[in-house]
Protein backbone atom coordinates (compact mmCIF):
# COMPACT_ATOMS: atom_id res chain seq x y z
CA MET A 1 1.57 -6.36 -15.70
CA SER A 2 -0.49 -8.20 -13.11
CA LEU A 3 -0.98 -6.81 -9.62
CA ASN A 4 0.85 -9.79 -8.13
CA ARG A 5 3.94 -8.87 -10.08
CA PHE A 6 3.79 -5.32 -8.71
CA TYR A 7 3.37 -6.70 -5.19
CA LYS A 8 6.52 -8.81 -5.62
CA THR A 9 8.72 -6.16 -7.24
CA MET A 10 7.82 -2.75 -5.83
CA PHE A 11 9.64 -1.50 -2.74
CA ARG A 12 11.64 -4.73 -2.41
CA LYS A 13 14.04 -3.37 0.16
CA TYR A 14 11.22 -2.77 2.63
CA ASP A 15 9.47 -5.24 4.94
CA ASP A 16 5.86 -6.30 4.35
CA LEU A 17 4.71 -3.98 7.16
CA LEU A 18 5.90 -0.41 6.80
CA SER A 19 6.36 2.23 9.46
CA VAL A 20 5.28 5.83 8.93
CA ALA A 21 8.97 6.66 8.48
CA ASP A 22 9.22 4.06 5.69
CA VAL A 23 6.24 5.60 3.92
CA THR A 24 7.74 9.09 4.20
CA ASP A 25 10.91 7.76 2.53
CA ILE A 26 9.03 5.94 -0.22
CA LEU A 27 6.59 8.72 -1.09
CA CYS A 28 8.91 11.65 -0.26
CA ILE A 29 6.26 13.30 1.90
CA SER A 30 6.19 14.45 5.52
CA ARG A 31 5.02 12.43 8.51
CA HIS A 32 2.09 14.83 8.83
CA GLN A 33 1.03 14.03 5.25
CA VAL A 34 1.22 10.28 5.95
CA TYR A 35 -0.97 10.69 9.03
CA SER A 36 -3.41 12.78 6.98
CA LEU A 37 -3.64 10.02 4.36
CA ILE A 38 -4.33 7.48 7.12
CA GLN A 39 -6.94 9.64 8.86
CA SER A 40 -8.74 10.32 5.57
CA ASN A 41 -8.77 6.57 4.76
CA GLN A 42 -6.84 7.14 1.56
CA LEU A 43 -4.07 4.96 2.97
CA HIS A 44 -5.09 2.07 5.18
CA ALA A 45 -3.05 1.21 8.25
CA ILE A 46 -3.21 -0.92 11.36
CA LYS A 47 -2.36 0.24 14.86
CA PRO A 48 -1.29 -2.73 17.00
CA GLY A 49 0.05 -0.45 19.75
CA ASN A 50 1.06 3.18 19.67
CA ALA A 51 2.43 3.20 16.12
CA PHE A 52 0.71 2.83 12.78
CA LEU A 53 1.87 0.07 10.44
CA ILE A 54 1.02 0.11 6.76
CA PRO A 55 0.92 -3.19 4.85
CA LYS A 56 3.18 -2.81 1.81
CA ARG A 57 0.47 -4.23 -0.46
CA LEU A 58 -1.88 -1.43 0.58
CA LEU A 59 0.76 1.21 -0.07
CA ILE A 60 1.32 -0.27 -3.53
CA ASP A 61 -2.45 -0.16 -4.13
CA TYR A 62 -2.44 3.49 -3.07
CA VAL A 63 0.49 4.36 -5.35
CA LEU A 64 -1.06 2.56 -8.31
CA GLY A 65 -4.52 3.99 -7.60
CA VAL A 66 -5.92 0.49 -7.31
CA THR A 67 -9.48 0.15 -6.01
CA ASN A 68 -11.32 -2.95 -4.86
CA GLU A 69 -13.11 -2.99 -8.23
CA VAL A 70 -9.79 -3.16 -10.11
CA LYS A 71 -8.56 -5.94 -7.78
CA GLN A 72 -11.69 -7.99 -8.47
CA GLU A 73 -11.34 -7.53 -12.23
CA SER A 74 -7.68 -8.54 -12.04
CA SER A 75 -8.42 -11.71 -10.08
CA ILE A 76 -11.20 -12.67 -12.51
CA THR A 77 -8.88 -12.13 -15.49
CA GLN A 78 -6.14 -14.25 -13.87
CA ARG A 79 -8.56 -17.12 -13.23
CA HIS A 80 -9.67 -17.17 -16.87
CA ASN A 81 -6.12 -17.16 -18.30
């Protein structure tokens, strides 16, 4: 399954930008654990004001264990097919 298909189908009921509360619901972890993932750069987030927002694509990458190297390989494979 291509990454784009995962991006379109996983966590459909959620918006493209997720709150910390959304991530706690999806991953079944505490708010403290979400903040720890963000602070350790395991989960990337943006902070446009006082609250962190997590792009859904980046959460999917985290869940799937996708690295930049895997993303590059996937995009190369898609271009050649």
